Protein backbone atom coordinates (compact mmCIF):
# COMPACT_ATOMS: atom_id res chain seq x y z
CA MET A 1 151.46 339.08 63.34
CA PRO A 2 148.28 337.03 63.35
CA ALA A 3 147.30 335.62 66.69
CA ALA A 4 148.17 332.00 67.22
CA ARG A 5 145.18 329.74 66.65
CA SER A 6 144.14 327.88 69.78
CA PHE A 7 142.60 324.44 69.78
CA PRO A 8 140.11 323.10 72.30
CA ALA A 9 141.27 320.58 74.85
CA LYS A 10 140.64 316.97 73.89
CA PRO A 11 137.57 315.48 75.50
CA PRO A 12 138.25 312.85 78.16
CA ASN A 13 136.64 310.11 76.03
CA HIS A 14 139.41 310.55 73.46
CA ILE A 15 141.97 309.95 76.18
CA VAL A 16 140.14 306.83 77.33
CA ALA A 17 139.94 305.58 73.75
CA ARG A 18 143.68 305.95 73.30
CA LEU A 19 144.36 304.25 76.62
CA LEU A 20 142.24 301.32 75.49
CA VAL A 21 144.17 301.13 72.23
CA ALA A 22 147.46 301.18 74.15
CA ALA A 23 146.26 298.47 76.54
CA THR A 24 145.17 296.32 73.59
CA ILE A 25 148.57 296.67 71.92
CA VAL A 26 150.29 295.72 75.17
CA LEU A 27 148.14 292.60 75.58
CA ILE A 28 148.81 291.56 71.98
CA ALA A 29 152.55 292.00 72.53
CA ILE A 30 152.47 290.01 75.77
CA GLY A 31 150.52 287.22 74.10
CA LEU A 32 152.88 287.01 71.13
CA LEU A 33 156.03 287.12 73.24
CA SER A 34 154.96 284.82 76.08
CA PRO A 35 155.72 281.10 75.89
CA PRO A 36 152.65 278.89 75.46
CA PRO A 37 151.23 277.41 78.68
CA PRO A 38 152.07 273.77 79.52
CA ALA A 39 149.90 271.21 77.78
CA ALA A 40 146.90 270.17 79.84
CA ARG A 41 145.84 266.59 80.35
CA ALA A 42 142.74 265.57 78.44
CA ALA A 43 139.68 265.75 80.66
CA THR A 44 137.04 264.70 78.14
CA SER A 45 138.19 261.20 77.25
CA ALA A 46 140.54 259.94 79.95
CA GLU A 47 139.10 257.15 82.06
CA ARG A 48 140.16 259.02 85.17
CA GLY A 49 139.23 262.44 83.84
CA ASP A 50 136.51 264.83 84.90
CA ALA A 51 133.97 263.53 82.39
CA ALA A 52 134.25 259.98 83.73
CA LEU A 53 133.95 261.32 87.29
CA TYR A 54 130.78 263.28 86.50
CA ARG A 55 129.21 260.33 84.69
CA ALA A 56 129.93 257.99 87.60
CA ILE A 57 128.42 260.41 90.12
CA ASP A 58 125.36 260.86 87.90
CA ARG A 59 124.83 257.08 87.79
CA ARG A 60 124.96 256.83 91.58
CA VAL A 61 122.59 259.75 92.08
CA ALA A 62 120.20 258.35 89.47
CA VAL A 63 119.66 255.19 91.54
CA GLY A 64 118.91 257.15 94.69
CA GLU A 65 122.28 257.70 96.37
CA THR A 66 122.70 261.12 97.96
CA TYR A 67 124.91 263.47 95.97
CA TYR A 68 127.62 264.08 98.56
CA VAL A 69 128.01 260.40 99.46
CA ALA A 70 128.23 259.53 95.76
CA ALA A 71 130.69 262.35 95.03
CA ALA A 72 132.94 261.41 97.94
CA ALA A 73 133.01 257.76 96.93
CA GLU A 74 133.88 258.50 93.30
CA HIS A 75 136.50 261.09 94.24
CA ARG A 76 138.21 258.53 96.48
CA ALA A 77 137.96 255.72 93.93
CA ARG A 78 139.56 257.90 91.25
CA GLU A 79 142.04 259.60 93.58
CA PHE A 80 140.46 262.99 93.08
CA PRO A 81 140.90 265.49 95.92
CA LEU A 82 138.09 266.27 98.34
CA ARG A 83 139.87 269.16 100.03
CA PRO A 84 139.21 272.08 99.90
CA PHE A 85 135.46 271.86 99.42
CA VAL A 86 135.56 273.64 96.04
CA ALA A 87 137.27 270.53 94.64
CA VAL A 88 133.79 268.98 94.74
CA ARG A 89 131.30 270.46 92.30
CA LEU A 90 128.03 271.96 93.46
CA PRO A 91 125.22 269.39 93.25
CA ALA A 92 122.78 271.32 91.02
CA ARG A 93 123.87 269.78 87.69
CA ALA A 94 123.76 266.22 89.05
CA TRP A 95 120.31 266.84 90.50
CA LEU A 96 119.17 268.17 87.14
CA TYR A 97 120.44 265.01 85.43
CA ARG A 98 118.57 262.87 87.93
CA LEU A 99 115.36 264.82 87.37
CA ALA A 100 115.48 265.00 83.58
CA GLY A 101 117.74 262.08 82.70
CA ALA A 102 120.86 262.38 80.57
CA ALA A 103 118.88 262.67 77.32
CA GLY A 104 116.42 265.20 78.73
CA ALA A 105 119.22 267.28 80.23
CA LEU A 106 121.05 267.31 76.90
CA TRP A 107 117.95 268.56 75.09
CA GLY A 108 117.56 271.17 77.81
CA LEU A 109 121.12 272.30 77.24
CA ARG A 110 120.51 272.49 73.50
CA ALA A 111 117.48 274.68 74.07
CA LEU A 112 119.48 276.87 76.45
CA ALA A 113 122.30 277.22 73.91
CA LEU A 114 119.82 278.20 71.19
CA LEU A 115 118.15 280.77 73.45
CA ALA A 116 121.52 282.21 74.49
CA ALA A 117 122.68 282.46 70.87
CA VAL A 118 119.46 284.10 69.63
CA ALA A 119 119.29 286.52 72.57
CA THR A 120 122.96 287.46 72.18
CA ILE A 121 122.55 288.08 68.46
CA TYR A 122 119.51 290.26 69.12
CA ARG A 123 121.33 292.34 71.74
CA LEU A 124 124.33 292.76 69.45
CA HIS A 125 121.99 294.57 67.07
CA THR A 126 121.70 297.32 69.68
CA ALA A 127 125.48 297.59 70.04
CA VAL A 128 126.38 298.20 66.37
CA THR A 129 124.83 300.38 63.68
CA SER A 130 126.27 298.50 60.73
CA ARG A 131 124.29 295.50 59.52
CA ALA A 132 127.46 293.93 58.16
CA LEU A 133 129.23 294.15 61.51
CA TRP A 134 126.12 292.88 63.26
CA GLY A 135 126.02 289.91 60.92
CA VAL A 136 129.65 289.01 61.56
CA ALA A 137 129.28 289.47 65.32
CA GLY A 138 126.13 287.37 65.31
CA CYS A 139 127.83 284.59 63.38
CA LEU A 140 130.72 284.57 65.85
CA ALA A 141 128.28 284.39 68.75
CA ALA A 142 126.42 281.50 67.10
CA VAL A 143 129.51 279.42 66.26
CA SER A 144 130.82 280.01 69.78
CA THR A 145 127.58 279.03 71.51
CA LEU A 146 125.78 276.27 69.61
CA PRO A 147 128.66 273.73 69.56
CA LEU A 148 128.67 273.77 73.38
CA ALA A 149 125.45 271.73 73.44
CA ASN A 150 127.08 268.31 73.02
CA PRO A 151 126.91 265.27 75.33
CA VAL A 152 130.46 265.60 76.69
CA VAL A 153 130.60 269.33 77.31
CA ALA A 154 127.12 269.09 78.84
CA LEU A 155 128.70 267.29 81.79
CA TRP A 156 130.64 270.41 82.73
CA PRO A 157 128.69 272.76 85.03
CA GLU A 158 130.78 275.59 83.54
CA CYS A 159 129.00 275.02 80.23
CA TRP A 160 125.56 275.43 81.78
CA ALA A 161 126.69 278.40 83.85
CA GLY A 162 128.34 280.14 80.88
CA LEU A 163 125.22 279.82 78.74
CA LEU A 164 123.07 281.14 81.58
CA VAL A 165 125.42 284.09 82.03
CA ALA A 166 125.22 284.89 78.30
CA LEU A 167 121.42 284.66 78.36
CA SER A 168 121.27 286.79 81.50
CA LEU A 169 123.45 289.46 79.88
CA ALA A 170 121.33 289.50 76.76
CA LEU A 171 117.99 289.69 78.60
CA ARG A 172 119.01 292.35 81.06
CA ASP A 173 117.52 295.77 80.43
CA GLU A 174 115.56 298.30 82.45
CA ARG A 175 112.43 296.13 82.36
CA HIS A 176 113.80 292.59 82.49
CA TRP A 177 116.62 292.88 84.99
CA ARG A 178 114.79 290.62 87.47
CA ALA A 179 114.86 287.74 84.98
CA ALA A 180 118.55 288.45 84.41
CA VAL A 181 119.19 288.30 88.17
CA LEU A 182 117.40 284.96 88.43
CA LEU A 183 119.38 283.46 85.55
CA GLY A 184 122.63 284.75 87.06
CA LEU A 185 121.76 283.21 90.41
CA ILE A 186 121.02 279.84 88.79
CA ALA A 187 124.40 280.04 87.03
CA ALA A 188 126.15 280.62 90.36
CA LEU A 189 124.27 277.71 91.93
CA LEU A 190 125.56 275.49 89.13
CA ARG A 191 129.16 276.74 89.37
CA GLU A 192 130.57 279.20 91.86
CA LEU A 193 132.73 280.67 89.09
CA ALA A 194 129.64 282.72 88.18
CA LEU A 195 129.86 284.64 91.46
CA PRO A 196 132.11 287.33 89.91
CA TYR A 197 129.40 287.84 87.29
CA LEU A 198 126.86 288.68 89.99
CA VAL A 199 129.31 291.13 91.54
CA ALA A 200 130.09 292.76 88.19
CA MET A 201 126.39 293.24 87.46
CA ALA A 202 125.84 294.75 90.90
CA VAL A 203 128.70 297.17 90.26
CA ALA A 204 127.28 298.14 86.86
CA ALA A 205 123.85 298.79 88.36
CA ALA A 206 125.37 300.81 91.20
CA LEU A 207 127.39 302.95 88.77
CA GLU A 208 124.17 303.71 86.90
CA ARG A 209 122.41 304.51 90.21
CA ARG A 210 119.78 301.82 89.77
CA ARG A 211 119.08 301.12 93.42
CA GLY A 212 116.44 298.44 92.97
CA GLU A 213 118.53 296.51 90.48
CA THR A 214 121.66 296.87 92.60
CA LEU A 215 119.78 295.41 95.55
CA GLY A 216 118.63 292.53 93.36
CA TRP A 217 122.14 291.61 92.28
CA VAL A 218 123.49 291.98 95.82
CA THR A 219 120.73 289.72 97.11
CA ALA A 220 121.55 287.13 94.46
CA THR A 221 125.22 287.31 95.42
CA ILE A 222 124.40 286.74 99.09
CA ALA A 223 122.10 283.82 98.19
CA ALA A 224 124.80 282.20 96.04
CA MET A 225 127.41 282.63 98.77
CA THR A 226 125.01 281.12 101.32
CA ALA A 227 124.55 278.11 99.05
CA LEU A 228 128.32 277.82 98.75
CA VAL A 229 128.67 277.81 102.54
CA ALA A 230 126.03 275.08 102.75
CA HIS A 231 127.99 273.14 100.13
CA ALA A 232 131.15 273.47 102.21
CA VAL A 233 129.33 272.12 105.27
CA ALA A 234 127.93 269.17 103.28
CA VAL A 235 131.37 268.28 101.90
CA ALA A 236 132.88 268.49 105.39
CA ALA A 237 130.26 266.01 106.64
CA VAL A 238 131.52 263.25 104.31
CA LEU A 239 135.25 263.88 104.67
CA GLN A 240 137.58 261.25 106.06
CA PRO A 241 140.99 261.95 107.63
CA ASP A 242 142.95 260.44 104.76
CA ASP A 243 141.04 262.14 101.92
CA ALA A 244 143.32 263.75 99.35
CA ALA A 245 143.84 267.51 99.17
CA SER A 246 144.12 269.50 95.99
CA GLN A 247 147.55 270.57 94.79
CA GLY A 248 146.21 274.12 94.69
CA TRP A 249 145.18 276.48 91.93
CA VAL A 250 147.53 279.43 92.42
CA ARG A 251 149.83 279.13 89.42
CA ALA A 252 150.16 282.73 88.21
CA GLY A 253 149.67 281.65 84.62
CA GLY A 254 149.11 285.28 83.67
CA TRP A 255 147.74 286.40 80.35
CA SER A 256 148.88 283.13 78.75
CA PHE A 257 146.34 281.23 80.84
CA ASP A 258 143.55 283.61 79.82
CA LEU A 259 144.47 283.00 76.18
CA ALA A 260 144.53 279.26 76.83
CA MET A 261 140.97 279.47 78.18
CA ALA A 262 139.86 281.27 75.03
CA ARG A 263 141.49 278.71 72.75
CA ALA A 264 140.11 275.75 74.71
CA THR A 265 136.48 276.87 74.62
CA THR A 266 135.94 278.83 71.40
CA PRO A 267 136.56 278.30 67.66
CA LEU A 268 140.06 279.71 68.26
CA ALA A 269 141.00 276.09 68.97
CA LEU A 270 141.19 275.70 65.18
CA PHE A 271 143.86 278.39 64.86
CA SER A 272 147.38 279.06 66.10
CA ASP A 273 148.48 280.53 69.42
CA ALA A 274 149.51 283.71 67.59
CA THR A 275 146.00 284.12 66.18
CA ALA A 276 144.50 283.88 69.66
CA ALA A 277 147.07 286.35 70.98
CA ILE A 278 145.81 288.93 68.47
CA VAL A 279 142.10 288.13 68.31
CA VAL A 280 141.31 287.93 72.05
CA PRO A 281 142.64 291.43 72.95
CA LEU A 282 140.90 292.91 69.91
CA ALA A 283 137.62 291.27 70.91
CA LEU A 284 137.91 292.61 74.45
CA TYR A 285 138.80 296.01 73.02
CA GLY A 286 135.67 295.91 70.88
CA TRP A 287 133.48 295.26 73.91
CA ALA A 288 135.27 297.87 76.04
CA SER A 289 134.97 300.57 73.35
CA THR A 290 131.33 300.01 72.43
CA PRO A 291 128.84 302.36 74.11
CA GLY A 292 125.73 301.09 75.84
CA GLY A 293 124.78 299.11 78.91
CA TYR A 294 125.03 295.71 77.24
CA ALA A 295 128.64 296.09 76.09
CA ARG A 296 129.55 297.71 79.41
CA ARG A 297 128.27 294.70 81.32
CA VAL A 298 129.96 292.21 79.00
CA ILE A 299 133.36 293.83 79.51
CA LEU A 300 132.86 294.13 83.28
CA THR A 301 131.95 290.45 83.40
CA SER A 302 134.98 289.57 81.29
CA LEU A 303 137.30 291.54 83.57
CA ALA A 304 135.73 290.00 86.67
CA LEU A 305 136.41 286.50 85.34
CA LEU A 306 139.73 287.05 83.58
CA ALA A 307 141.53 289.12 86.24
CA PRO A 308 141.51 286.36 88.91
CA ALA A 309 142.65 283.85 86.28
CA LEU A 310 145.92 285.77 85.96
CA LEU A 311 146.85 284.17 89.29
CA ILE A 312 144.46 281.26 89.77
CA GLY A 313 144.15 278.23 87.52
CA ARG A 314 146.19 275.23 86.42
CA PRO A 315 146.69 274.40 82.72
CA GLU A 316 144.03 271.68 82.90
CA ASN A 317 141.53 274.26 84.15
CA SER A 318 141.38 275.99 80.76
CA TYR A 319 137.77 274.80 80.43
CA TRP A 320 136.93 277.65 82.81
CA GLY A 321 136.76 279.68 79.61
CA LEU A 322 133.30 278.16 79.09
CA MET A 323 132.06 280.91 81.40
CA LEU A 324 132.76 283.48 78.65
CA ALA A 325 132.67 281.34 75.52
CA PRO A 326 129.29 282.52 74.15
CA VAL A 327 130.22 286.23 74.12
CA TRP A 328 134.01 286.29 73.94
CA LEU A 329 134.64 286.51 70.20
CA ALA A 330 131.50 288.49 69.35
CA GLY A 331 133.35 291.64 70.36
CA LEU A 332 135.87 291.27 67.52
CA PRO A 333 133.79 293.05 64.82
CA LEU A 334 133.00 295.79 67.33
CA ALA A 335 136.70 296.67 67.41
CA LEU A 336 136.66 298.08 63.86
CA PRO A 337 134.45 301.15 64.48
CA ALA A 338 136.17 301.62 67.84
CA ILE A 339 139.56 301.81 66.15
CA VAL A 340 138.19 304.30 63.63
CA ARG A 341 136.80 306.45 66.42
CA ALA A 342 140.11 306.34 68.28
CA VAL A 343 142.28 307.15 65.26
CA ALA A 344 140.05 309.77 63.61
CA PRO A 345 140.55 312.52 66.26
CA ALA A 346 144.31 312.14 66.00
CA ALA A 347 144.16 312.44 62.21
CA ARG A 348 141.97 315.54 62.44
CA ALA A 349 144.32 317.12 64.98
CA ARG A 350 147.29 316.56 62.68
CA ARG A 351 145.43 318.16 59.77
CA GLN A 352 144.43 321.14 61.91
CA LEU A 353 148.02 321.54 63.14
CA ALA A 354 149.31 321.42 59.57
CA ILE A 355 146.82 324.11 58.50
CA ALA A 356 147.73 326.27 61.48
CA ARG A 357 151.40 326.06 60.62
């Protein structure tokens, strides 16, 4: 009898690819089967909403009032909480508006959005070999980034921070990592939600054994945390005994809240909940399955921001998705070659088994 034909063991990357496919299917199923999150109150047009609060603080700071005194006064007048200190935004955006004026700041944001879009499109070219896929991914990055530069969204520090994170990701390479660190630090000084980005980049550099770059990201993280401590001290200095406290952010919204963030801050707002439930996992799968340092850092950043949101965040906090908006959907076209790579080994194995039999 002929000897049985033996087949080589499957490489570990095939196992990882299949695990990623399985995880993507699970996330799609969870998104389709979960009830939609509760409707959030409008924060962009309500007289007592965040936009009105930020505008009022900007007006006070523009005439010379110190930021923390102005913020405390407006929080009290509008019955916004002052406790804990993270209920009060970091002062960097308001200082920028005082320095440049509302019109100048808006033009600055527009320039930042254009730079982030162009840099992201350029880096996507290194992540895909197909010009068609690059074109689609670039279009998704552009339509997700450029609309953020509008007068209302410009009031949100998350918008500035998210664009800076996208630009930092796109600029980072072996030669320009220092500029990426600086941009990431500025993002964290605008909104502390960018702190997980700094940590994710430090982890990526450490995994690649880039000691100098790792030290740079760790230093930026320490600097941002020091600024946050200083912010906490400044808020404590203007507190009064009867100041309101936040109702808390631990809501365990789960994957539904992550999907809500994607819908609130990307073109997915134009489509149904079911569309978002399918597209978002596929986009993340595309980033996770694409080789190269850029895609690796995008997915690490996404995980660093999305994992805490499984537990933390109220429905009205869905604008936190601005932190990922410029890069989120660009991973969708990257999923196609990843799926082909994951399925092809299984098809070849079945053919080989059939021949052997």
